[in-house]
Amino acid sequence: MYARSTTFHGRPENIDAGIKFVKDEVAPMLEQIEGCRGLSLLIDRDTGRCIATTSWESEETMHASEDRLRPMRDRGRDILGATMQVDEWEIVAMHRTQHGECCRVSWLQGDLDALTETFRVGILPQLDQTAGFCGTSLLANRSTGLACATTVWESREAMEASRPAAAEMRSRAASDANGEILDVVEFDLAYAHLHVPEMA
């Protein structure tokens, strides 16, 4: 399974128009594209940063969709008044227990095999025991050594309460991977319609 994420650094006042565009136009189009397994949209209303992520059955179907999706990305950029960055990933872990309202996204650099092992064996069981936890994913780009870990929470309060434990887990993962934590951002989950199977 693979994913393509598009990060928009837009204007906060344009976020609602961006959400409407994703729900009304992007999502219905994606349902018609072979190999697409869903879409999520994360938003930060304070900064205007949004991340739209599509998931795909294979790297081939992801790349085959590029010509159809490029104009939609450009329209999203114009609607949000944004700069835009596109990244491609392999989905190396996916675990969901229920739907959530918000997410914490952490970007790490390091040994991706070691990071994946720590994530699956050491971190997932701990997350499952954390109040308000709804799900998690780990995306990896093997050409850059970059990983993106997302945890989903049932409420903003649950996510905030998890911060100390999350910081410890991130530090452990970075240490085991001989890497570093590049960024951590908390978002609202504005849209999620995913059909990625359990990959824990």
N, C-alpha and C. Protein backbone atom coordinates (compact mmCIF):
# COMPACT_ATOMS: atom_id res chain seq x y z
N MET A 1 0.84 -1.19 0.00
CA MET A 1 0.00 0.00 0.00
C MET A 1 0.88 1.25 0.00
N TYR A 2 0.41 2.27 -0.71
CA TYR A 2 1.18 3.50 -0.86
C TYR A 2 0.28 4.71 -0.59
N ALA A 3 0.92 5.86 -0.41
CA ALA A 3 0.17 7.08 -0.13
C ALA A 3 0.88 8.27 -0.78
N ARG A 4 0.08 9.25 -1.16
CA ARG A 4 0.61 10.52 -1.64
C ARG A 4 0.02 11.62 -0.75
N SER A 5 0.87 12.43 -0.16
CA SER A 5 0.40 13.53 0.67
C SER A 5 0.73 14.85 0.00
N THR A 6 -0.23 15.76 0.05
CA THR A 6 -0.05 17.11 -0.45
C THR A 6 -0.23 18.07 0.71
N THR A 7 0.83 18.79 1.04
CA THR A 7 0.81 19.74 2.14
C THR A 7 0.61 21.15 1.57
N PHE A 8 -0.45 21.80 2.04
CA PHE A 8 -0.75 23.17 1.63
C PHE A 8 -0.47 24.11 2.79
N HIS A 9 0.30 25.14 2.54
CA HIS A 9 0.50 26.20 3.53
C HIS A 9 -0.36 27.38 3.08
N GLY A 10 -1.61 27.39 3.54
CA GLY A 10 -2.59 28.33 3.03
C GLY A 10 -2.98 29.40 4.03
N ARG A 11 -4.06 30.09 3.69
CA ARG A 11 -4.59 31.14 4.56
C ARG A 11 -5.65 30.54 5.47
N PRO A 12 -5.57 30.80 6.78
CA PRO A 12 -6.56 30.23 7.70
C PRO A 12 -8.00 30.53 7.31
N GLU A 13 -8.26 31.72 6.78
CA GLU A 13 -9.63 32.10 6.44
C GLU A 13 -10.18 31.32 5.25
N ASN A 14 -9.31 30.60 4.52
CA ASN A 14 -9.75 29.84 3.34
C ASN A 14 -9.96 28.36 3.63
N ILE A 15 -9.76 27.94 4.87
CA ILE A 15 -9.80 26.50 5.17
C ILE A 15 -11.18 25.90 4.92
N ASP A 16 -12.24 26.59 5.31
CA ASP A 16 -13.58 26.02 5.11
C ASP A 16 -13.87 25.80 3.62
N ALA A 17 -13.42 26.72 2.78
CA ALA A 17 -13.60 26.54 1.33
C ALA A 17 -12.78 25.34 0.85
N GLY A 18 -11.61 25.13 1.44
CA GLY A 18 -10.80 23.97 1.08
C GLY A 18 -11.46 22.67 1.49
N ILE A 19 -12.05 22.62 2.68
CA ILE A 19 -12.75 21.41 3.14
C ILE A 19 -13.91 21.09 2.20
N LYS A 20 -14.68 22.11 1.83
CA LYS A 20 -15.81 21.91 0.93
C LYS A 20 -15.34 21.36 -0.41
N PHE A 21 -14.25 21.88 -0.93
CA PHE A 21 -13.70 21.41 -2.20
C PHE A 21 -13.32 19.93 -2.11
N VAL A 22 -12.66 19.55 -1.03
CA VAL A 22 -12.26 18.15 -0.85
C VAL A 22 -13.47 17.24 -0.78
N LYS A 23 -14.48 17.62 0.01
CA LYS A 23 -15.66 16.76 0.19
C LYS A 23 -16.52 16.68 -1.06
N ASP A 24 -16.71 17.82 -1.73
CA ASP A 24 -17.68 17.88 -2.83
C ASP A 24 -17.09 17.49 -4.18
N GLU A 25 -15.78 17.71 -4.36
CA GLU A 25 -15.20 17.49 -5.68
C GLU A 25 -14.09 16.44 -5.70
N VAL A 26 -13.15 16.55 -4.76
CA VAL A 26 -12.02 15.63 -4.80
C VAL A 26 -12.43 14.21 -4.43
N ALA A 27 -13.13 14.06 -3.31
CA ALA A 27 -13.49 12.71 -2.86
C ALA A 27 -14.33 11.95 -3.89
N PRO A 28 -15.38 12.55 -4.48
CA PRO A 28 -16.15 11.81 -5.49
C PRO A 28 -15.31 11.41 -6.70
N MET A 29 -14.36 12.26 -7.12
CA MET A 29 -13.52 11.91 -8.26
C MET A 29 -12.61 10.74 -7.92
N LEU A 30 -12.04 10.75 -6.70
CA LEU A 30 -11.13 9.68 -6.31
C LEU A 30 -11.83 8.32 -6.29
N GLU A 31 -13.12 8.31 -5.98
CA GLU A 31 -13.86 7.05 -5.95
C GLU A 31 -13.92 6.39 -7.33
N GLN A 32 -13.70 7.18 -8.37
CA GLN A 32 -13.76 6.65 -9.73
C GLN A 32 -12.40 6.20 -10.26
N ILE A 33 -11.33 6.42 -9.49
CA ILE A 33 -9.99 6.10 -9.97
C ILE A 33 -9.56 4.72 -9.46
N GLU A 34 -9.16 3.87 -10.39
CA GLU A 34 -8.75 2.51 -10.04
C GLU A 34 -7.57 2.52 -9.07
N GLY A 35 -7.69 1.71 -8.04
CA GLY A 35 -6.59 1.55 -7.09
C GLY A 35 -6.60 2.51 -5.93
N CYS A 36 -7.49 3.51 -5.95
CA CYS A 36 -7.53 4.45 -4.82
C CYS A 36 -8.25 3.82 -3.64
N ARG A 37 -7.65 3.93 -2.46
CA ARG A 37 -8.23 3.33 -1.26
C ARG A 37 -8.65 4.38 -0.23
N GLY A 38 -8.78 5.64 -0.65
CA GLY A 38 -9.34 6.61 0.26
C GLY A 38 -8.55 7.90 0.37
N LEU A 39 -9.08 8.79 1.22
CA LEU A 39 -8.58 10.15 1.34
C LEU A 39 -8.77 10.63 2.76
N SER A 40 -7.79 11.39 3.25
CA SER A 40 -7.95 12.09 4.53
C SER A 40 -7.49 13.53 4.36
N LEU A 41 -8.03 14.41 5.21
CA LEU A 41 -7.64 15.82 5.20
C LEU A 41 -7.43 16.28 6.63
N LEU A 42 -6.21 16.73 6.92
CA LEU A 42 -5.86 17.29 8.22
C LEU A 42 -5.75 18.80 8.08
N ILE A 43 -6.24 19.54 9.09
CA ILE A 43 -6.21 21.00 9.00
C ILE A 43 -5.73 21.60 10.32
N ASP A 44 -5.02 22.72 10.19
CA ASP A 44 -4.63 23.54 11.34
C ASP A 44 -5.23 24.93 11.09
N ARG A 45 -6.31 25.24 11.79
CA ARG A 45 -7.01 26.50 11.54
C ARG A 45 -6.19 27.72 11.97
N ASP A 46 -5.24 27.53 12.86
CA ASP A 46 -4.43 28.66 13.32
C ASP A 46 -3.40 29.09 12.28
N THR A 47 -2.80 28.13 11.60
CA THR A 47 -1.71 28.44 10.68
C THR A 47 -2.11 28.35 9.21
N GLY A 48 -3.21 27.67 8.91
CA GLY A 48 -3.61 27.45 7.53
C GLY A 48 -2.95 26.24 6.89
N ARG A 49 -2.19 25.49 7.64
CA ARG A 49 -1.53 24.29 7.10
C ARG A 49 -2.54 23.15 6.99
N CYS A 50 -2.59 22.53 5.82
CA CYS A 50 -3.49 21.40 5.56
C CYS A 50 -2.71 20.29 4.87
N ILE A 51 -3.05 19.04 5.20
CA ILE A 51 -2.43 17.90 4.54
C ILE A 51 -3.52 16.99 4.01
N ALA A 52 -3.57 16.84 2.69
CA ALA A 52 -4.49 15.90 2.05
C ALA A 52 -3.69 14.67 1.63
N THR A 53 -4.15 13.50 2.05
CA THR A 53 -3.42 12.26 1.76
C THR A 53 -4.35 11.26 1.08
N THR A 54 -3.92 10.76 -0.07
CA THR A 54 -4.63 9.70 -0.76
C THR A 54 -3.86 8.40 -0.57
N SER A 55 -4.59 7.29 -0.47
CA SER A 55 -3.96 5.98 -0.31
C SER A 55 -4.27 5.12 -1.54
N TRP A 56 -3.31 4.21 -1.85
CA TRP A 56 -3.34 3.48 -3.11
C TRP A 56 -2.96 2.03 -2.91
N GLU A 57 -3.53 1.16 -3.74
CA GLU A 57 -3.26 -0.28 -3.65
C GLU A 57 -1.82 -0.61 -4.01
N SER A 58 -1.21 0.19 -4.89
CA SER A 58 0.14 -0.11 -5.35
C SER A 58 0.82 1.19 -5.78
N GLU A 59 2.13 1.12 -5.91
CA GLU A 59 2.87 2.27 -6.41
C GLU A 59 2.47 2.59 -7.85
N GLU A 60 2.14 1.53 -8.62
CA GLU A 60 1.76 1.73 -10.01
C GLU A 60 0.45 2.50 -10.13
N THR A 61 -0.56 2.14 -9.33
CA THR A 61 -1.83 2.86 -9.42
C THR A 61 -1.69 4.29 -8.92
N MET A 62 -0.83 4.50 -7.92
CA MET A 62 -0.59 5.86 -7.44
C MET A 62 -0.01 6.72 -8.55
N HIS A 63 1.01 6.21 -9.24
CA HIS A 63 1.65 6.99 -10.30
C HIS A 63 0.72 7.17 -11.50
N ALA A 64 -0.10 6.16 -11.79
CA ALA A 64 -1.02 6.26 -12.93
C ALA A 64 -2.07 7.34 -12.71
N SER A 65 -2.34 7.71 -11.45
CA SER A 65 -3.36 8.71 -11.15
C SER A 65 -2.86 10.14 -11.30
N GLU A 66 -1.56 10.31 -11.48
CA GLU A 66 -0.95 11.63 -11.38
C GLU A 66 -1.55 12.65 -12.34
N ASP A 67 -1.77 12.27 -13.58
CA ASP A 67 -2.26 13.23 -14.56
C ASP A 67 -3.67 13.72 -14.21
N ARG A 68 -4.48 12.85 -13.64
CA ARG A 68 -5.84 13.25 -13.28
C ARG A 68 -5.86 14.11 -12.01
N LEU A 69 -4.94 13.84 -11.10
CA LEU A 69 -4.98 14.54 -9.81
C LEU A 69 -4.23 15.86 -9.81
N ARG A 70 -3.29 16.02 -10.72
CA ARG A 70 -2.51 17.26 -10.70
C ARG A 70 -3.39 18.51 -10.82
N PRO A 71 -4.37 18.55 -11.75
CA PRO A 71 -5.22 19.75 -11.82
C PRO A 71 -6.03 19.98 -10.55
N MET A 72 -6.44 18.90 -9.87
CA MET A 72 -7.19 19.06 -8.62
C MET A 72 -6.30 19.64 -7.53
N ARG A 73 -5.05 19.19 -7.48
CA ARG A 73 -4.12 19.76 -6.50
C ARG A 73 -3.91 21.25 -6.75
N ASP A 74 -3.78 21.60 -8.03
CA ASP A 74 -3.57 23.01 -8.36
C ASP A 74 -4.78 23.84 -7.95
N ARG A 75 -5.98 23.31 -8.15
CA ARG A 75 -7.18 24.03 -7.73
C ARG A 75 -7.22 24.16 -6.21
N GLY A 76 -6.84 23.11 -5.50
CA GLY A 76 -6.79 23.18 -4.04
C GLY A 76 -5.82 24.25 -3.57
N ARG A 77 -4.69 24.33 -4.24
CA ARG A 77 -3.71 25.36 -3.91
C ARG A 77 -4.30 26.76 -4.11
N ASP A 78 -5.03 26.94 -5.21
CA ASP A 78 -5.62 28.25 -5.48
C ASP A 78 -6.72 28.59 -4.48
N ILE A 79 -7.54 27.60 -4.13
CA ILE A 79 -8.63 27.84 -3.19
C ILE A 79 -8.09 28.19 -1.81
N LEU A 80 -7.05 27.50 -1.39
CA LEU A 80 -6.48 27.74 -0.06
C LEU A 80 -5.54 28.94 -0.03
N GLY A 81 -5.18 29.44 -1.20
CA GLY A 81 -4.19 30.52 -1.24
C GLY A 81 -2.85 30.05 -0.73
N ALA A 82 -2.41 28.89 -1.23
CA ALA A 82 -1.35 28.14 -0.58
C ALA A 82 -0.14 27.93 -1.46
N THR A 83 0.98 27.69 -0.79
CA THR A 83 2.09 26.99 -1.42
C THR A 83 1.84 25.49 -1.22
N MET A 84 2.52 24.65 -1.99
CA MET A 84 2.15 23.24 -2.03
C MET A 84 3.39 22.37 -2.12
N GLN A 85 3.38 21.27 -1.35
CA GLN A 85 4.46 20.28 -1.41
C GLN A 85 3.83 18.89 -1.52
N VAL A 86 4.34 18.07 -2.44
CA VAL A 86 3.82 16.72 -2.66
C VAL A 86 4.87 15.70 -2.25
N ASP A 87 4.47 14.70 -1.47
CA ASP A 87 5.37 13.62 -1.04
C ASP A 87 4.71 12.27 -1.30
N GLU A 88 5.53 11.28 -1.63
CA GLU A 88 5.05 9.92 -1.84
C GLU A 88 5.63 9.00 -0.77
N TRP A 89 4.80 8.02 -0.35
CA TRP A 89 5.16 7.18 0.78
C TRP A 89 4.76 5.73 0.54
N GLU A 90 5.45 4.84 1.21
CA GLU A 90 4.99 3.46 1.41
C GLU A 90 4.29 3.40 2.77
N ILE A 91 3.12 2.77 2.82
CA ILE A 91 2.43 2.59 4.10
C ILE A 91 3.01 1.33 4.75
N VAL A 92 3.74 1.48 5.84
CA VAL A 92 4.39 0.33 6.46
C VAL A 92 3.64 -0.16 7.70
N ALA A 93 2.74 0.65 8.23
CA ALA A 93 1.91 0.19 9.35
C ALA A 93 0.61 0.99 9.36
N MET A 94 -0.50 0.32 9.69
CA MET A 94 -1.80 0.97 9.79
C MET A 94 -2.63 0.21 10.82
N HIS A 95 -3.16 0.94 11.80
CA HIS A 95 -3.94 0.30 12.86
C HIS A 95 -5.04 1.27 13.28
N ARG A 96 -6.29 0.82 13.24
CA ARG A 96 -7.41 1.67 13.64
C ARG A 96 -8.35 0.92 14.57
N THR A 97 -8.84 1.60 15.58
CA THR A 97 -9.83 1.02 16.48
C THR A 97 -11.18 1.72 16.36
N GLN A 98 -11.16 3.02 16.04
CA GLN A 98 -12.40 3.78 15.89
C GLN A 98 -12.07 5.10 15.20
N HIS A 99 -13.12 5.86 14.86
CA HIS A 99 -12.92 7.16 14.23
C HIS A 99 -12.53 8.19 15.28
N GLY A 100 -11.76 9.18 14.84
CA GLY A 100 -11.31 10.21 15.75
C GLY A 100 -11.57 11.60 15.21
N GLU A 101 -11.22 12.60 16.02
CA GLU A 101 -11.47 14.00 15.66
C GLU A 101 -10.20 14.79 15.36
N CYS A 102 -9.05 14.30 15.84
CA CYS A 102 -7.82 15.07 15.67
C CYS A 102 -6.62 14.12 15.60
N CYS A 103 -5.50 14.69 15.14
CA CYS A 103 -4.31 13.88 14.88
C CYS A 103 -3.05 14.61 15.33
N ARG A 104 -2.06 13.83 15.69
CA ARG A 104 -0.71 14.35 15.90
C ARG A 104 0.19 13.69 14.85
N VAL A 105 0.91 14.52 14.10
CA VAL A 105 1.79 14.01 13.03
C VAL A 105 3.23 14.32 13.41
N SER A 106 4.07 13.30 13.34
CA SER A 106 5.50 13.44 13.66
C SER A 106 6.31 13.00 12.46
N TRP A 107 7.28 13.83 12.08
CA TRP A 107 8.19 13.49 11.00
C TRP A 107 9.55 13.16 11.60
N LEU A 108 10.10 12.01 11.20
CA LEU A 108 11.37 11.54 11.73
C LEU A 108 12.28 11.11 10.59
N GLN A 109 13.57 11.22 10.82
CA GLN A 109 14.57 10.78 9.85
C GLN A 109 15.44 9.73 10.53
N GLY A 110 15.76 8.64 9.79
CA GLY A 110 16.62 7.63 10.38
C GLY A 110 16.52 6.30 9.66
N ASP A 111 16.96 5.25 10.35
CA ASP A 111 16.92 3.88 9.83
C ASP A 111 15.46 3.42 9.83
N LEU A 112 14.87 3.32 8.65
CA LEU A 112 13.44 3.05 8.57
C LEU A 112 13.08 1.64 9.03
N ASP A 113 13.95 0.66 8.80
CA ASP A 113 13.66 -0.70 9.27
C ASP A 113 13.64 -0.75 10.79
N ALA A 114 14.61 -0.10 11.42
CA ALA A 114 14.64 -0.07 12.89
C ALA A 114 13.45 0.71 13.43
N LEU A 115 13.10 1.81 12.77
CA LEU A 115 11.97 2.61 13.21
C LEU A 115 10.67 1.83 13.11
N THR A 116 10.50 1.09 12.01
CA THR A 116 9.29 0.29 11.83
C THR A 116 9.18 -0.79 12.90
N GLU A 117 10.30 -1.43 13.23
CA GLU A 117 10.28 -2.48 14.26
C GLU A 117 9.90 -1.89 15.62
N THR A 118 10.49 -0.77 15.97
CA THR A 118 10.14 -0.13 17.25
C THR A 118 8.68 0.28 17.27
N PHE A 119 8.20 0.80 16.16
CA PHE A 119 6.81 1.25 16.07
C PHE A 119 5.85 0.09 16.29
N ARG A 120 6.12 -1.03 15.61
CA ARG A 120 5.19 -2.16 15.68
C ARG A 120 5.26 -2.89 17.02
N VAL A 121 6.48 -3.09 17.52
CA VAL A 121 6.67 -3.94 18.71
C VAL A 121 6.58 -3.14 20.00
N GLY A 122 7.14 -1.94 20.00
CA GLY A 122 7.22 -1.18 21.24
C GLY A 122 6.17 -0.11 21.43
N ILE A 123 5.78 0.55 20.34
CA ILE A 123 4.91 1.71 20.46
C ILE A 123 3.43 1.37 20.30
N LEU A 124 3.09 0.54 19.31
CA LEU A 124 1.68 0.20 19.10
C LEU A 124 1.00 -0.37 20.34
N PRO A 125 1.61 -1.34 21.04
CA PRO A 125 0.94 -1.85 22.24
C PRO A 125 0.72 -0.77 23.30
N GLN A 126 1.67 0.15 23.42
CA GLN A 126 1.51 1.23 24.40
C GLN A 126 0.39 2.18 23.98
N LEU A 127 0.33 2.50 22.69
CA LEU A 127 -0.74 3.37 22.21
C LEU A 127 -2.11 2.75 22.47
N ASP A 128 -2.22 1.45 22.25
CA ASP A 128 -3.51 0.77 22.43
C ASP A 128 -4.03 0.89 23.86
N GLN A 129 -3.13 1.12 24.80
CA GLN A 129 -3.51 1.24 26.21
C GLN A 129 -3.73 2.69 26.63
N THR A 130 -3.59 3.64 25.70
CA THR A 130 -3.69 5.05 26.03
C THR A 130 -5.12 5.55 25.85
N ALA A 131 -5.65 6.23 26.84
CA ALA A 131 -7.03 6.72 26.80
C ALA A 131 -7.24 7.65 25.62
N GLY A 132 -8.33 7.41 24.88
CA GLY A 132 -8.69 8.28 23.77
C GLY A 132 -8.01 7.97 22.45
N PHE A 133 -7.14 6.95 22.42
CA PHE A 133 -6.44 6.59 21.19
C PHE A 133 -7.40 5.90 20.22
N CYS A 134 -7.34 6.30 18.94
CA CYS A 134 -8.24 5.76 17.93
C CYS A 134 -7.53 5.01 16.80
N GLY A 135 -6.28 5.36 16.52
CA GLY A 135 -5.59 4.69 15.43
C GLY A 135 -4.26 5.35 15.14
N THR A 136 -3.48 4.68 14.28
CA THR A 136 -2.17 5.21 13.93
C THR A 136 -1.73 4.68 12.58
N SER A 137 -0.81 5.39 11.96
CA SER A 137 -0.20 4.93 10.72
C SER A 137 1.26 5.35 10.72
N LEU A 138 2.06 4.59 9.97
CA LEU A 138 3.46 4.93 9.76
C LEU A 138 3.73 4.86 8.27
N LEU A 139 4.16 6.00 7.71
CA LEU A 139 4.50 6.10 6.30
C LEU A 139 6.01 6.27 6.17
N ALA A 140 6.60 5.71 5.12
CA ALA A 140 8.05 5.78 4.95
C ALA A 140 8.40 6.09 3.51
N ASN A 141 9.44 6.89 3.34
CA ASN A 141 10.02 7.14 2.02
C ASN A 141 11.45 6.63 2.06
N ARG A 142 11.69 5.49 1.44
CA ARG A 142 12.99 4.83 1.58
C ARG A 142 14.09 5.56 0.83
N SER A 143 13.75 6.36 -0.15
CA SER A 143 14.78 7.09 -0.87
C SER A 143 15.33 8.27 -0.08
N THR A 144 14.55 8.80 0.85
CA THR A 144 14.98 9.95 1.65
C THR A 144 15.26 9.59 3.11
N GLY A 145 14.83 8.38 3.55
CA GLY A 145 14.98 8.02 4.96
C GLY A 145 14.03 8.76 5.87
N LEU A 146 12.97 9.31 5.29
CA LEU A 146 11.99 10.09 6.06
C LEU A 146 10.78 9.23 6.40
N ALA A 147 10.28 9.38 7.63
CA ALA A 147 9.07 8.68 8.07
C ALA A 147 8.08 9.69 8.61
N CYS A 148 6.82 9.35 8.48
CA CYS A 148 5.73 10.20 8.97
C CYS A 148 4.80 9.32 9.80
N ALA A 149 4.74 9.58 11.10
CA ALA A 149 3.88 8.81 12.01
C ALA A 149 2.71 9.67 12.45
N THR A 150 1.50 9.13 12.31
CA THR A 150 0.29 9.85 12.69
C THR A 150 -0.46 9.05 13.74
N THR A 151 -0.88 9.72 14.81
CA THR A 151 -1.78 9.11 15.78
C THR A 151 -3.10 9.87 15.77
N VAL A 152 -4.21 9.14 15.87
CA VAL A 152 -5.55 9.72 15.82
C VAL A 152 -6.18 9.61 17.20
N TRP A 153 -6.88 10.67 17.62
CA TRP A 153 -7.44 10.76 18.97
C TRP A 153 -8.92 11.12 18.92
N GLU A 154 -9.66 10.64 19.92
CA GLU A 154 -11.10 10.85 19.91
C GLU A 154 -11.49 12.29 20.22
N SER A 155 -10.59 13.05 20.83
CA SER A 155 -10.89 14.44 21.17
C SER A 155 -9.59 15.21 21.32
N ARG A 156 -9.70 16.51 21.24
CA ARG A 156 -8.54 17.38 21.47
C ARG A 156 -8.01 17.18 22.90
N GLU A 157 -8.91 16.99 23.86
CA GLU A 157 -8.49 16.80 25.25
C GLU A 157 -7.67 15.52 25.42
N ALA A 158 -8.11 14.44 24.77
CA ALA A 158 -7.35 13.19 24.85
C ALA A 158 -5.98 13.34 24.20
N MET A 159 -5.92 14.03 23.07
CA MET A 159 -4.64 14.23 22.41
C MET A 159 -3.69 15.05 23.28
N GLU A 160 -4.21 16.11 23.89
CA GLU A 160 -3.37 16.94 24.75
C GLU A 160 -2.87 16.16 25.96
N ALA A 161 -3.74 15.31 26.53
CA ALA A 161 -3.34 14.52 27.69
C ALA A 161 -2.26 13.51 27.35
N SER A 162 -2.20 13.10 26.09
CA SER A 162 -1.22 12.08 25.67
C SER A 162 0.15 12.66 25.37
N ARG A 163 0.30 13.97 25.41
CA ARG A 163 1.56 14.60 24.96
C ARG A 163 2.80 14.08 25.68
N PRO A 164 2.82 13.98 27.02
CA PRO A 164 4.06 13.50 27.66
C PRO A 164 4.44 12.09 27.22
N ALA A 165 3.46 11.18 27.16
CA ALA A 165 3.76 9.81 26.74
C ALA A 165 4.20 9.78 25.28
N ALA A 166 3.56 10.61 24.45
CA ALA A 166 3.91 10.65 23.03
C ALA A 166 5.34 11.15 22.84
N ALA A 167 5.74 12.13 23.62
CA ALA A 167 7.11 12.65 23.51
C ALA A 167 8.12 11.56 23.85
N GLU A 168 7.82 10.76 24.86
CA GLU A 168 8.72 9.66 25.24
C GLU A 168 8.80 8.62 24.14
N MET A 169 7.66 8.28 23.54
CA MET A 169 7.65 7.28 22.47
C MET A 169 8.42 7.77 21.24
N ARG A 170 8.23 9.04 20.89
CA ARG A 170 8.97 9.60 19.75
C ARG A 170 10.47 9.56 19.99
N SER A 171 10.89 9.94 21.20
CA SER A 171 12.32 9.94 21.51
C SER A 171 12.90 8.54 21.43
N ARG A 172 12.14 7.56 21.93
CA ARG A 172 12.61 6.17 21.87
C ARG A 172 12.74 5.70 20.42
N ALA A 173 11.74 6.04 19.59
CA ALA A 173 11.78 5.63 18.19
C ALA A 173 12.96 6.26 17.46
N ALA A 174 13.18 7.55 17.69
CA ALA A 174 14.30 8.24 17.04
C ALA A 174 15.63 7.65 17.49
N SER A 175 15.75 7.34 18.77
CA SER A 175 16.99 6.77 19.29
C SER A 175 17.26 5.40 18.68
N ASP A 176 16.23 4.54 18.65
CA ASP A 176 16.39 3.20 18.08
C ASP A 176 16.75 3.25 16.60
N ALA A 177 16.30 4.31 15.91
CA ALA A 177 16.56 4.43 14.47
C ALA A 177 17.82 5.23 14.17
N ASN A 178 18.57 5.59 15.24
CA ASN A 178 19.75 6.44 15.06
C ASN A 178 19.41 7.68 14.23
N GLY A 179 18.25 8.25 14.53
CA GLY A 179 17.76 9.37 13.74
C GLY A 179 17.39 10.56 14.58
N GLU A 180 16.52 11.38 14.03
CA GLU A 180 16.11 12.59 14.73
C GLU A 180 14.66 12.91 14.43
N ILE A 181 14.04 13.65 15.34
CA ILE A 181 12.67 14.14 15.17
C ILE A 181 12.75 15.48 14.44
N LEU A 182 12.09 15.58 13.30
CA LEU A 182 12.18 16.79 12.49
C LEU A 182 11.08 17.79 12.82
N ASP A 183 9.87 17.30 13.10
CA ASP A 183 8.74 18.20 13.35
C ASP A 183 7.60 17.41 13.98
N VAL A 184 6.78 18.09 14.76
CA VAL A 184 5.58 17.51 15.36
C VAL A 184 4.48 18.57 15.27
N VAL A 185 3.34 18.21 14.68
CA VAL A 185 2.23 19.15 14.51
C VAL A 185 0.92 18.45 14.86
N GLU A 186 0.03 19.18 15.54
CA GLU A 186 -1.29 18.65 15.85
C GLU A 186 -2.33 19.29 14.94
N PHE A 187 -3.24 18.46 14.43
CA PHE A 187 -4.24 18.88 13.46
C PHE A 187 -5.64 18.43 13.88
N ASP A 188 -6.66 19.10 13.34
CA ASP A 188 -8.01 18.56 13.34
C ASP A 188 -8.16 17.64 12.13
N LEU A 189 -8.93 16.58 12.30
CA LEU A 189 -9.20 15.64 11.21
C LEU A 189 -10.51 16.07 10.56
N ALA A 190 -10.39 16.76 9.42
CA ALA A 190 -11.57 17.35 8.78
C ALA A 190 -12.31 16.36 7.90
N TYR A 191 -11.60 15.36 7.38
CA TYR A 191 -12.23 14.38 6.49
C TYR A 191 -11.41 13.11 6.53
N ALA A 192 -12.09 11.98 6.64
CA ALA A 192 -11.39 10.70 6.61
C ALA A 192 -12.32 9.65 6.02
N HIS A 193 -11.92 9.12 4.89
CA HIS A 193 -12.68 8.06 4.24
C HIS A 193 -11.67 7.08 3.66
N LEU A 194 -11.20 6.17 4.51
CA LEU A 194 -10.06 5.32 4.17
C LEU A 194 -10.46 3.85 4.17
N HIS A 195 -9.86 3.10 3.26
CA HIS A 195 -10.11 1.66 3.17
C HIS A 195 -8.78 0.90 3.17
N VAL A 196 -7.82 1.39 3.93
CA VAL A 196 -6.53 0.72 4.03
C VAL A 196 -6.65 -0.40 5.06
N PRO A 197 -6.25 -1.62 4.74
CA PRO A 197 -6.40 -2.73 5.68
C PRO A 197 -5.46 -2.61 6.88
N GLU A 198 -5.77 -3.37 7.90
CA GLU A 198 -4.91 -3.42 9.09
C GLU A 198 -3.53 -3.92 8.68
N MET A 199 -2.49 -3.17 9.10
CA MET A 199 -1.11 -3.53 8.76
C MET A 199 -0.26 -3.28 9.99
N ALA A 200 -0.60 -3.91 11.10
CA ALA A 200 0.12 -3.67 12.35
C ALA A 200 1.26 -4.66 12.52
